[in-house]
mmCIF file of all heavy atoms, coordinates in Angstrom:
data_MODEL
# 
_entry.id   MODEL 
# 
loop_
_atom_site.group_PDB 
_atom_site.id 
_atom_site.type_symbol 
_atom_site.label_atom_id 
_atom_site.label_alt_id 
_atom_site.label_comp_id 
_atom_site.label_asym_id 
_atom_site.label_entity_id 
_atom_site.label_seq_id 
_atom_site.pdbx_PDB_ins_code 
_atom_site.Cartn_x 
_atom_site.Cartn_y 
_atom_site.Cartn_z 
_atom_site.occupancy 
_atom_site.B_iso_or_equiv 
_atom_site.pdbx_formal_charge 
_atom_site.auth_seq_id 
_atom_site.auth_comp_id 
_atom_site.auth_asym_id 
_atom_site.auth_atom_id 
_atom_site.pdbx_PDB_model_num 
ATOM 1   N N   . TRP A 1 1  ? 100.173 88.137  139.079 1.00 0.00 ? 1  TRP A N   1 
ATOM 2   C CA  . TRP A 1 1  ? 100.676 89.163  138.177 1.00 0.00 ? 1  TRP A CA  1 
ATOM 3   C C   . TRP A 1 1  ? 99.507  89.986  137.661 1.00 0.00 ? 1  TRP A C   1 
ATOM 4   O O   . TRP A 1 1  ? 98.363  89.539  137.647 1.00 0.00 ? 1  TRP A O   1 
ATOM 5   C CB  . TRP A 1 1  ? 101.453 88.565  137.004 1.00 0.00 ? 1  TRP A CB  1 
ATOM 6   C CG  . TRP A 1 1  ? 100.606 87.778  136.016 1.00 0.00 ? 1  TRP A CG  1 
ATOM 7   C CD1 . TRP A 1 1  ? 100.310 86.451  136.075 1.00 0.00 ? 1  TRP A CD1 1 
ATOM 8   C CD2 . TRP A 1 1  ? 99.940  88.286  134.859 1.00 0.00 ? 1  TRP A CD2 1 
ATOM 9   N NE1 . TRP A 1 1  ? 99.513  86.086  135.023 1.00 0.00 ? 1  TRP A NE1 1 
ATOM 10  C CE2 . TRP A 1 1  ? 99.267  87.192  134.255 1.00 0.00 ? 1  TRP A CE2 1 
ATOM 11  C CE3 . TRP A 1 1  ? 99.855  89.539  134.263 1.00 0.00 ? 1  TRP A CE3 1 
ATOM 12  C CZ2 . TRP A 1 1  ? 98.502  87.325  133.090 1.00 0.00 ? 1  TRP A CZ2 1 
ATOM 13  C CZ3 . TRP A 1 1  ? 99.092  89.680  133.104 1.00 0.00 ? 1  TRP A CZ3 1 
ATOM 14  C CH2 . TRP A 1 1  ? 98.443  88.579  132.533 1.00 0.00 ? 1  TRP A CH2 1 
ATOM 15  N N   . GLY A 1 2  ? 99.830  91.193  137.247 1.00 0.00 ? 2  GLY A N   1 
ATOM 16  C CA  . GLY A 1 2  ? 98.814  92.059  136.666 1.00 0.00 ? 2  GLY A CA  1 
ATOM 17  C C   . GLY A 1 2  ? 99.358  92.779  135.460 1.00 0.00 ? 2  GLY A C   1 
ATOM 18  O O   . GLY A 1 2  ? 100.564 92.981  135.322 1.00 0.00 ? 2  GLY A O   1 
ATOM 19  N N   . SER A 1 3  ? 98.467  93.191  134.598 1.00 0.00 ? 3  SER A N   1 
ATOM 20  C CA  . SER A 1 3  ? 98.875  93.916  133.392 1.00 0.00 ? 3  SER A CA  1 
ATOM 21  C C   . SER A 1 3  ? 98.803  95.425  133.589 1.00 0.00 ? 3  SER A C   1 
ATOM 22  O O   . SER A 1 3  ? 99.109  96.180  132.666 1.00 0.00 ? 3  SER A O   1 
ATOM 23  C CB  . SER A 1 3  ? 97.978  93.514  132.216 1.00 0.00 ? 3  SER A CB  1 
ATOM 24  O OG  . SER A 1 3  ? 96.615  93.786  132.508 1.00 0.00 ? 3  SER A OG  1 
ATOM 25  N N   . VAL A 1 4  ? 98.408  95.874  134.806 1.00 0.00 ? 4  VAL A N   1 
ATOM 26  C CA  . VAL A 1 4  ? 98.257  97.299  135.090 1.00 0.00 ? 4  VAL A CA  1 
ATOM 27  C C   . VAL A 1 4  ? 99.325  97.723  136.100 1.00 0.00 ? 4  VAL A C   1 
ATOM 28  O O   . VAL A 1 4  ? 100.364 97.077  136.220 1.00 0.00 ? 4  VAL A O   1 
ATOM 29  C CB  . VAL A 1 4  ? 96.836  97.592  135.603 1.00 0.00 ? 4  VAL A CB  1 
ATOM 30  C CG1 . VAL A 1 4  ? 95.805  97.274  134.522 1.00 0.00 ? 4  VAL A CG1 1 
ATOM 31  C CG2 . VAL A 1 4  ? 96.521  96.789  136.874 1.00 0.00 ? 4  VAL A CG2 1 
ATOM 32  N N   . ASN A 1 5  ? 99.074  98.792  136.838 1.00 0.00 ? 5  ASN A N   1 
ATOM 33  C CA  . ASN A 1 5  ? 100.057 99.279  137.806 1.00 0.00 ? 5  ASN A CA  1 
ATOM 34  C C   . ASN A 1 5  ? 100.013 98.463  139.099 1.00 0.00 ? 5  ASN A C   1 
ATOM 35  O O   . ASN A 1 5  ? 99.001  97.824  139.419 1.00 0.00 ? 5  ASN A O   1 
ATOM 36  C CB  . ASN A 1 5  ? 99.798  100.749 138.136 1.00 0.00 ? 5  ASN A CB  1 
ATOM 37  C CG  . ASN A 1 5  ? 99.928  101.645 136.927 1.00 0.00 ? 5  ASN A CG  1 
ATOM 38  O OD1 . ASN A 1 5  ? 100.600 101.297 135.945 1.00 0.00 ? 5  ASN A OD1 1 
ATOM 39  N ND2 . ASN A 1 5  ? 99.292  102.813 136.980 1.00 0.00 ? 5  ASN A ND2 1 
ATOM 40  N N   . ALA A 1 6  ? 101.091 98.580  139.880 1.00 0.00 ? 6  ALA A N   1 
ATOM 41  C CA  . ALA A 1 6  ? 101.196 97.811  141.119 1.00 0.00 ? 6  ALA A CA  1 
ATOM 42  C C   . ALA A 1 6  ? 100.189 98.247  142.176 1.00 0.00 ? 6  ALA A C   1 
ATOM 43  O O   . ALA A 1 6  ? 99.919  97.499  143.116 1.00 0.00 ? 6  ALA A O   1 
ATOM 44  C CB  . ALA A 1 6  ? 102.613 97.915  141.684 1.00 0.00 ? 6  ALA A CB  1 
ATOM 45  N N   . ASP A 1 7  ? 99.625  99.442  142.058 1.00 0.00 ? 7  ASP A N   1 
ATOM 46  C CA  . ASP A 1 7  ? 98.604  99.873  143.012 1.00 0.00 ? 7  ASP A CA  1 
ATOM 47  C C   . ASP A 1 7  ? 97.212  99.435  142.585 1.00 0.00 ? 7  ASP A C   1 
ATOM 48  O O   . ASP A 1 7  ? 96.218  99.799  143.214 1.00 0.00 ? 7  ASP A O   1 
ATOM 49  C CB  . ASP A 1 7  ? 98.651  101.384 143.202 1.00 0.00 ? 7  ASP A CB  1 
ATOM 50  C CG  . ASP A 1 7  ? 98.333  102.160 141.931 1.00 0.00 ? 7  ASP A CG  1 
ATOM 51  O OD1 . ASP A 1 7  ? 98.070  101.534 140.878 1.00 0.00 ? 7  ASP A OD1 1 
ATOM 52  O OD2 . ASP A 1 7  ? 98.357  103.413 141.978 1.00 0.00 ? 7  ASP A OD2 1 
ATOM 53  N N   . GLY A 1 8  ? 97.115  98.661  141.517 1.00 0.00 ? 8  GLY A N   1 
ATOM 54  C CA  . GLY A 1 8  ? 95.828  98.162  141.054 1.00 0.00 ? 8  GLY A CA  1 
ATOM 55  C C   . GLY A 1 8  ? 95.142  99.056  140.053 1.00 0.00 ? 8  GLY A C   1 
ATOM 56  O O   . GLY A 1 8  ? 94.128  98.671  139.475 1.00 0.00 ? 8  GLY A O   1 
ATOM 57  N N   . GLY A 1 9  ? 95.684  100.248 139.834 1.00 0.00 ? 9  GLY A N   1 
ATOM 58  C CA  . GLY A 1 9  ? 95.065  101.187 138.920 1.00 0.00 ? 9  GLY A CA  1 
ATOM 59  C C   . GLY A 1 9  ? 95.753  101.217 137.571 1.00 0.00 ? 9  GLY A C   1 
ATOM 60  O O   . GLY A 1 9  ? 96.646  100.435 137.271 1.00 0.00 ? 9  GLY A O   1 
ATOM 61  N N   . GLY A 1 10 ? 95.324  102.187 136.767 1.00 0.00 ? 10 GLY A N   1 
ATOM 62  C CA  . GLY A 1 10 ? 95.931  102.368 135.460 1.00 0.00 ? 10 GLY A CA  1 
ATOM 63  C C   . GLY A 1 10 ? 95.343  101.460 134.407 1.00 0.00 ? 10 GLY A C   1 
ATOM 64  O O   . GLY A 1 10 ? 94.505  100.592 134.680 1.00 0.00 ? 10 GLY A O   1 
ATOM 65  N N   . SER A 1 11 ? 95.801  101.645 133.187 1.00 0.00 ? 11 SER A N   1 
ATOM 66  C CA  . SER A 1 11 ? 95.329  100.837 132.069 1.00 0.00 ? 11 SER A CA  1 
ATOM 67  C C   . SER A 1 11 ? 96.337  99.737  131.774 1.00 0.00 ? 11 SER A C   1 
ATOM 68  O O   . SER A 1 11 ? 97.437  99.702  132.337 1.00 0.00 ? 11 SER A O   1 
ATOM 69  C CB  . SER A 1 11 ? 95.134  101.723 130.833 1.00 0.00 ? 11 SER A CB  1 
ATOM 70  O OG  . SER A 1 11 ? 96.337  102.407 130.510 1.00 0.00 ? 11 SER A OG  1 
ATOM 71  N N   . VAL A 1 12 ? 95.977  98.846  130.888 1.00 0.00 ? 12 VAL A N   1 
ATOM 72  C CA  . VAL A 1 12 ? 96.854  97.729  130.531 1.00 0.00 ? 12 VAL A CA  1 
ATOM 73  C C   . VAL A 1 12 ? 98.114  98.260  129.849 1.00 0.00 ? 12 VAL A C   1 
ATOM 74  O O   . VAL A 1 12 ? 98.038  99.019  128.890 1.00 0.00 ? 12 VAL A O   1 
ATOM 75  C CB  . VAL A 1 12 ? 96.117  96.742  129.604 1.00 0.00 ? 12 VAL A CB  1 
ATOM 76  C CG1 . VAL A 1 12 ? 97.081  95.694  129.060 1.00 0.00 ? 12 VAL A CG1 1 
ATOM 77  C CG2 . VAL A 1 12 ? 94.966  96.081  130.347 1.00 0.00 ? 12 VAL A CG2 1 
ATOM 78  N N   . ALA A 1 13 ? 99.267  97.847  130.380 1.00 0.00 ? 13 ALA A N   1 
ATOM 79  C CA  . ALA A 1 13 ? 100.555 98.194  129.774 1.00 0.00 ? 13 ALA A CA  1 
ATOM 80  C C   . ALA A 1 13 ? 100.840 97.161  128.692 1.00 0.00 ? 13 ALA A C   1 
ATOM 81  O O   . ALA A 1 13 ? 101.469 96.129  128.948 1.00 0.00 ? 13 ALA A O   1 
ATOM 82  C CB  . ALA A 1 13 ? 101.649 98.216  130.830 1.00 0.00 ? 13 ALA A CB  1 
ATOM 83  N N   . VAL A 1 14 ? 100.370 97.421  127.500 1.00 0.00 ? 14 VAL A N   1 
ATOM 84  C CA  . VAL A 1 14 ? 100.306 96.410  126.447 1.00 0.00 ? 14 VAL A CA  1 
ATOM 85  C C   . VAL A 1 14 ? 101.677 95.835  126.107 1.00 0.00 ? 14 VAL A C   1 
ATOM 86  O O   . VAL A 1 14 ? 101.889 94.616  126.129 1.00 0.00 ? 14 VAL A O   1 
ATOM 87  C CB  . VAL A 1 14 ? 99.646  96.988  125.176 1.00 0.00 ? 14 VAL A CB  1 
ATOM 88  C CG1 . VAL A 1 14 ? 99.651  95.951  124.057 1.00 0.00 ? 14 VAL A CG1 1 
ATOM 89  C CG2 . VAL A 1 14 ? 98.214  97.432  125.489 1.00 0.00 ? 14 VAL A CG2 1 
ATOM 90  N N   . SER A 1 15 ? 102.645 96.686  125.794 1.00 0.00 ? 15 SER A N   1 
ATOM 91  C CA  . SER A 1 15 ? 103.943 96.176  125.354 1.00 0.00 ? 15 SER A CA  1 
ATOM 92  C C   . SER A 1 15 ? 104.696 95.480  126.477 1.00 0.00 ? 15 SER A C   1 
ATOM 93  O O   . SER A 1 15 ? 105.328 94.435  126.268 1.00 0.00 ? 15 SER A O   1 
ATOM 94  C CB  . SER A 1 15 ? 104.783 97.315  124.769 1.00 0.00 ? 15 SER A CB  1 
ATOM 95  O OG  . SER A 1 15 ? 105.021 98.315  125.739 1.00 0.00 ? 15 SER A OG  1 
ATOM 96  N N   . GLU A 1 16 ? 104.621 96.044  127.690 1.00 0.00 ? 16 GLU A N   1 
ATOM 97  C CA  . GLU A 1 16 ? 105.336 95.429  128.813 1.00 0.00 ? 16 GLU A CA  1 
ATOM 98  C C   . GLU A 1 16 ? 104.674 94.120  129.225 1.00 0.00 ? 16 GLU A C   1 
ATOM 99  O O   . GLU A 1 16 ? 105.359 93.147  129.584 1.00 0.00 ? 16 GLU A O   1 
ATOM 100 C CB  . GLU A 1 16 ? 105.393 96.379  129.999 1.00 0.00 ? 16 GLU A CB  1 
ATOM 101 C CG  . GLU A 1 16 ? 106.493 96.076  130.990 1.00 0.00 ? 16 GLU A CG  1 
ATOM 102 C CD  . GLU A 1 16 ? 107.884 96.104  130.368 1.00 0.00 ? 16 GLU A CD  1 
ATOM 103 O OE1 . GLU A 1 16 ? 108.317 97.167  129.896 1.00 0.00 ? 16 GLU A OE1 1 
ATOM 104 O OE2 . GLU A 1 16 ? 108.532 95.041  130.366 1.00 0.00 ? 16 GLU A OE2 1 
ATOM 105 N N   . ALA A 1 17 ? 103.347 94.057  129.161 1.00 0.00 ? 17 ALA A N   1 
ATOM 106 C CA  . ALA A 1 17 ? 102.660 92.796  129.451 1.00 0.00 ? 17 ALA A CA  1 
ATOM 107 C C   . ALA A 1 17 ? 103.058 91.732  128.447 1.00 0.00 ? 17 ALA A C   1 
ATOM 108 O O   . ALA A 1 17 ? 103.285 90.562  128.814 1.00 0.00 ? 17 ALA A O   1 
ATOM 109 C CB  . ALA A 1 17 ? 101.144 93.006  129.439 1.00 0.00 ? 17 ALA A CB  1 
ATOM 110 N N   . ALA A 1 18 ? 103.175 92.115  127.180 1.00 0.00 ? 18 ALA A N   1 
ATOM 111 C CA  . ALA A 1 18 ? 103.596 91.158  126.152 1.00 0.00 ? 18 ALA A CA  1 
ATOM 112 C C   . ALA A 1 18 ? 105.009 90.656  126.417 1.00 0.00 ? 18 ALA A C   1 
ATOM 113 O O   . ALA A 1 18 ? 105.316 89.472  126.231 1.00 0.00 ? 18 ALA A O   1 
ATOM 114 C CB  . ALA A 1 18 ? 103.505 91.805  124.776 1.00 0.00 ? 18 ALA A CB  1 
ATOM 115 N N   . ALA A 1 19 ? 105.889 91.557  126.869 1.00 0.00 ? 19 ALA A N   1 
ATOM 116 C CA  . ALA A 1 19 ? 107.264 91.151  127.194 1.00 0.00 ? 19 ALA A CA  1 
ATOM 117 C C   . ALA A 1 19 ? 107.271 90.150  128.334 1.00 0.00 ? 19 ALA A C   1 
ATOM 118 O O   . ALA A 1 19 ? 108.045 89.175  128.321 1.00 0.00 ? 19 ALA A O   1 
ATOM 119 C CB  . ALA A 1 19 ? 108.098 92.374  127.546 1.00 0.00 ? 19 ALA A CB  1 
ATOM 120 N N   . TRP A 1 20 ? 106.416 90.359  129.311 1.00 0.00 ? 20 TRP A N   1 
ATOM 121 C CA  . TRP A 1 20 ? 106.327 89.415  130.432 1.00 0.00 ? 20 TRP A CA  1 
ATOM 122 C C   . TRP A 1 20 ? 105.766 88.076  129.984 1.00 0.00 ? 20 TRP A C   1 
ATOM 123 O O   . TRP A 1 20 ? 106.223 87.016  130.443 1.00 0.00 ? 20 TRP A O   1 
ATOM 124 C CB  . TRP A 1 20 ? 105.476 90.008  131.556 1.00 0.00 ? 20 TRP A CB  1 
ATOM 125 C CG  . TRP A 1 20 ? 106.231 90.891  132.492 1.00 0.00 ? 20 TRP A CG  1 
ATOM 126 C CD1 . TRP A 1 20 ? 106.141 92.243  132.610 1.00 0.00 ? 20 TRP A CD1 1 
ATOM 127 C CD2 . TRP A 1 20 ? 107.198 90.471  133.463 1.00 0.00 ? 20 TRP A CD2 1 
ATOM 128 N NE1 . TRP A 1 20 ? 106.994 92.697  133.590 1.00 0.00 ? 20 TRP A NE1 1 
ATOM 129 C CE2 . TRP A 1 20 ? 107.648 91.627  134.136 1.00 0.00 ? 20 TRP A CE2 1 
ATOM 130 C CE3 . TRP A 1 20 ? 107.716 89.234  133.838 1.00 0.00 ? 20 TRP A CE3 1 
ATOM 131 C CZ2 . TRP A 1 20 ? 108.601 91.581  135.160 1.00 0.00 ? 20 TRP A CZ2 1 
ATOM 132 C CZ3 . TRP A 1 20 ? 108.665 89.185  134.858 1.00 0.00 ? 20 TRP A CZ3 1 
ATOM 133 C CH2 . TRP A 1 20 ? 109.105 90.341  135.501 1.00 0.00 ? 20 TRP A CH2 1 
ATOM 134 N N   . MET A 1 21 ? 104.772 88.078  129.104 1.00 0.00 ? 21 MET A N   1 
ATOM 135 C CA  . MET A 1 21 ? 104.228 86.810  128.616 1.00 0.00 ? 21 MET A CA  1 
ATOM 136 C C   . MET A 1 21 ? 105.313 86.008  127.902 1.00 0.00 ? 21 MET A C   1 
ATOM 137 O O   . MET A 1 21 ? 105.439 84.789  128.094 1.00 0.00 ? 21 MET A O   1 
ATOM 138 C CB  . MET A 1 21 ? 103.043 87.053  127.670 1.00 0.00 ? 21 MET A CB  1 
ATOM 139 C CG  . MET A 1 21 ? 101.834 87.728  128.300 1.00 0.00 ? 21 MET A CG  1 
ATOM 140 S SD  . MET A 1 21 ? 101.242 87.004  129.842 1.00 0.00 ? 21 MET A SD  1 
ATOM 141 C CE  . MET A 1 21 ? 101.785 88.233  131.039 1.00 0.00 ? 21 MET A CE  1 
ATOM 142 N N   . THR A 1 22 ? 106.111 86.695  127.088 1.00 0.00 ? 22 THR A N   1 
ATOM 143 C CA  . THR A 1 22 ? 107.206 86.015  126.393 1.00 0.00 ? 22 THR A CA  1 
ATOM 144 C C   . THR A 1 22 ? 108.207 85.451  127.389 1.00 0.00 ? 22 THR A C   1 
ATOM 145 O O   . THR A 1 22 ? 108.677 84.310  127.246 1.00 0.00 ? 22 THR A O   1 
ATOM 146 C CB  . THR A 1 22 ? 107.907 86.986  125.424 1.00 0.00 ? 22 THR A CB  1 
ATOM 147 O OG1 . THR A 1 22 ? 106.963 87.429  124.442 1.00 0.00 ? 22 THR A OG1 1 
ATOM 148 C CG2 . THR A 1 22 ? 109.086 86.318  124.737 1.00 0.00 ? 22 THR A CG2 1 
ATOM 149 N N   . PHE A 1 23 ? 108.551 86.229  128.390 1.00 0.00 ? 23 PHE A N   1 
ATOM 150 C CA  . PHE A 1 23 ? 109.511 85.781  129.399 1.00 0.00 ? 23 PHE A CA  1 
ATOM 151 C C   . PHE A 1 23 ? 108.987 84.549  130.130 1.00 0.00 ? 23 PHE A C   1 
ATOM 152 O O   . PHE A 1 23 ? 109.732 83.583  130.351 1.00 0.00 ? 23 PHE A O   1 
ATOM 153 C CB  . PHE A 1 23 ? 109.780 86.910  130.395 1.00 0.00 ? 23 PHE A CB  1 
ATOM 154 C CG  . PHE A 1 23 ? 110.779 86.566  131.467 1.00 0.00 ? 23 PHE A CG  1 
ATOM 155 C CD1 . PHE A 1 23 ? 112.141 86.646  131.217 1.00 0.00 ? 23 PHE A CD1 1 
ATOM 156 C CD2 . PHE A 1 23 ? 110.358 86.164  132.721 1.00 0.00 ? 23 PHE A CD2 1 
ATOM 157 C CE1 . PHE A 1 23 ? 113.066 86.324  132.201 1.00 0.00 ? 23 PHE A CE1 1 
ATOM 158 C CE2 . PHE A 1 23 ? 111.274 85.839  133.717 1.00 0.00 ? 23 PHE A CE2 1 
ATOM 159 C CZ  . PHE A 1 23 ? 112.638 85.921  133.450 1.00 0.00 ? 23 PHE A CZ  1 
ATOM 160 N N   . MET A 1 24 ? 107.722 84.568  130.502 1.00 0.00 ? 24 MET A N   1 
ATOM 161 C CA  . MET A 1 24 ? 107.168 83.426  131.240 1.00 0.00 ? 24 MET A CA  1 
ATOM 162 C C   . MET A 1 24 ? 107.087 82.188  130.364 1.00 0.00 ? 24 MET A C   1 
ATOM 163 O O   . MET A 1 24 ? 107.382 81.073  130.815 1.00 0.00 ? 24 MET A O   1 
ATOM 164 C CB  . MET A 1 24 ? 105.794 83.782  131.820 1.00 0.00 ? 24 MET A CB  1 
ATOM 165 C CG  . MET A 1 24 ? 105.854 84.796  132.946 1.00 0.00 ? 24 MET A CG  1 
ATOM 166 S SD  . MET A 1 24 ? 104.321 84.946  133.905 1.00 0.00 ? 24 MET A SD  1 
ATOM 167 C CE  . MET A 1 24 ? 103.195 85.630  132.683 1.00 0.00 ? 24 MET A CE  1 
ATOM 168 N N   . LYS A 1 25 ? 106.708 82.354  129.106 1.00 0.00 ? 25 LYS A N   1 
ATOM 169 C CA  . LYS A 1 25 ? 106.642 81.196  128.220 1.00 0.00 ? 25 LYS A CA  1 
ATOM 170 C C   . LYS A 1 25 ? 108.030 80.636  127.942 1.00 0.00 ? 25 LYS A C   1 
ATOM 171 O O   . LYS A 1 25 ? 108.226 79.415  127.952 1.00 0.00 ? 25 LYS A O   1 
ATOM 172 C CB  . LYS A 1 25 ? 105.940 81.570  126.917 1.00 0.00 ? 25 LYS A CB  1 
ATOM 173 C CG  . LYS A 1 25 ? 104.444 81.798  127.073 1.00 0.00 ? 25 LYS A CG  1 
ATOM 174 C CD  . LYS A 1 25 ? 103.788 82.219  125.762 1.00 0.00 ? 25 LYS A CD  1 
ATOM 175 C CE  . LYS A 1 25 ? 102.294 82.447  125.950 1.00 0.00 ? 25 LYS A CE  1 
ATOM 176 N NZ  . LYS A 1 25 ? 101.640 82.900  124.696 1.00 0.00 ? 25 LYS A NZ  1 
ATOM 177 N N   . THR A 1 26 ? 108.993 81.510  127.705 1.00 0.00 ? 26 THR A N   1 
ATOM 178 C CA  . THR A 1 26 ? 110.352 81.056  127.430 1.00 0.00 ? 26 THR A CA  1 
ATOM 179 C C   . THR A 1 26 ? 110.928 80.266  128.592 1.00 0.00 ? 26 THR A C   1 
ATOM 180 O O   . THR A 1 26 ? 111.611 79.257  128.400 1.00 0.00 ? 26 THR A O   1 
ATOM 181 C CB  . THR A 1 26 ? 111.261 82.264  127.121 1.00 0.00 ? 26 THR A CB  1 
ATOM 182 O OG1 . THR A 1 26 ? 110.769 82.937  125.963 1.00 0.00 ? 26 THR A OG1 1 
ATOM 183 C CG2 . THR A 1 26 ? 112.696 81.822  126.878 1.00 0.00 ? 26 THR A CG2 1 
ATOM 184 N N   . ASN A 1 27 ? 110.622 80.705  129.800 1.00 0.00 ? 27 ASN A N   1 
ATOM 185 C CA  . ASN A 1 27 ? 111.180 80.074  130.993 1.00 0.00 ? 27 ASN A CA  1 
ATOM 186 C C   . ASN A 1 27 ? 110.217 79.103  131.672 1.00 0.00 ? 27 ASN A C   1 
ATOM 187 O O   . ASN A 1 27 ? 110.505 78.621  132.763 1.00 0.00 ? 27 ASN A O   1 
ATOM 188 C CB  . ASN A 1 27 ? 111.619 81.153  131.985 1.00 0.00 ? 27 ASN A CB  1 
ATOM 189 C CG  . ASN A 1 27 ? 112.815 81.930  131.496 1.00 0.00 ? 27 ASN A CG  1 
ATOM 190 O OD1 . ASN A 1 27 ? 113.929 81.437  131.489 1.00 0.00 ? 27 ASN A OD1 1 
ATOM 191 N ND2 . ASN A 1 27 ? 112.578 83.168  131.037 1.00 0.00 ? 27 ASN A ND2 1 
ATOM 192 N N   . HIS A 1 28 ? 109.096 78.805  131.020 1.00 0.00 ? 28 HIS A N   1 
ATOM 193 C CA  . HIS A 1 28 ? 108.118 77.845  131.539 1.00 0.00 ? 28 HIS A CA  1 
ATOM 194 C C   . HIS A 1 28 ? 107.685 78.211  132.961 1.00 0.00 ? 28 HIS A C   1 
ATOM 195 O O   . HIS A 1 28 ? 107.703 77.368  133.866 1.00 0.00 ? 28 HIS A O   1 
ATOM 196 C CB  . HIS A 1 28 ? 108.679 76.427  131.484 1.00 0.00 ? 28 HIS A CB  1 
ATOM 197 C CG  . HIS A 1 28 ? 109.047 75.975  130.103 1.00 0.00 ? 28 HIS A CG  1 
ATOM 198 N ND1 . HIS A 1 28 ? 108.123 75.504  129.201 1.00 0.00 ? 28 HIS A ND1 1 
ATOM 199 C CD2 . HIS A 1 28 ? 110.241 75.958  129.466 1.00 0.00 ? 28 HIS A CD2 1 
ATOM 200 C CE1 . HIS A 1 28 ? 108.732 75.198  128.069 1.00 0.00 ? 28 HIS A CE1 1 
ATOM 201 N NE2 . HIS A 1 28 ? 110.019 75.473  128.196 1.00 0.00 ? 28 HIS A NE2 1 
# 
C-alpha cells in the first residue's frame, strides 16, 4: 500500500490514508 498516487507520484493523501489505516485496524 502507499499513501500517495497509484503511479508512485504525488504527495501524501493525509485524510484518505488515515481512513485506510482505520479500516485496516478495524478489520485486522
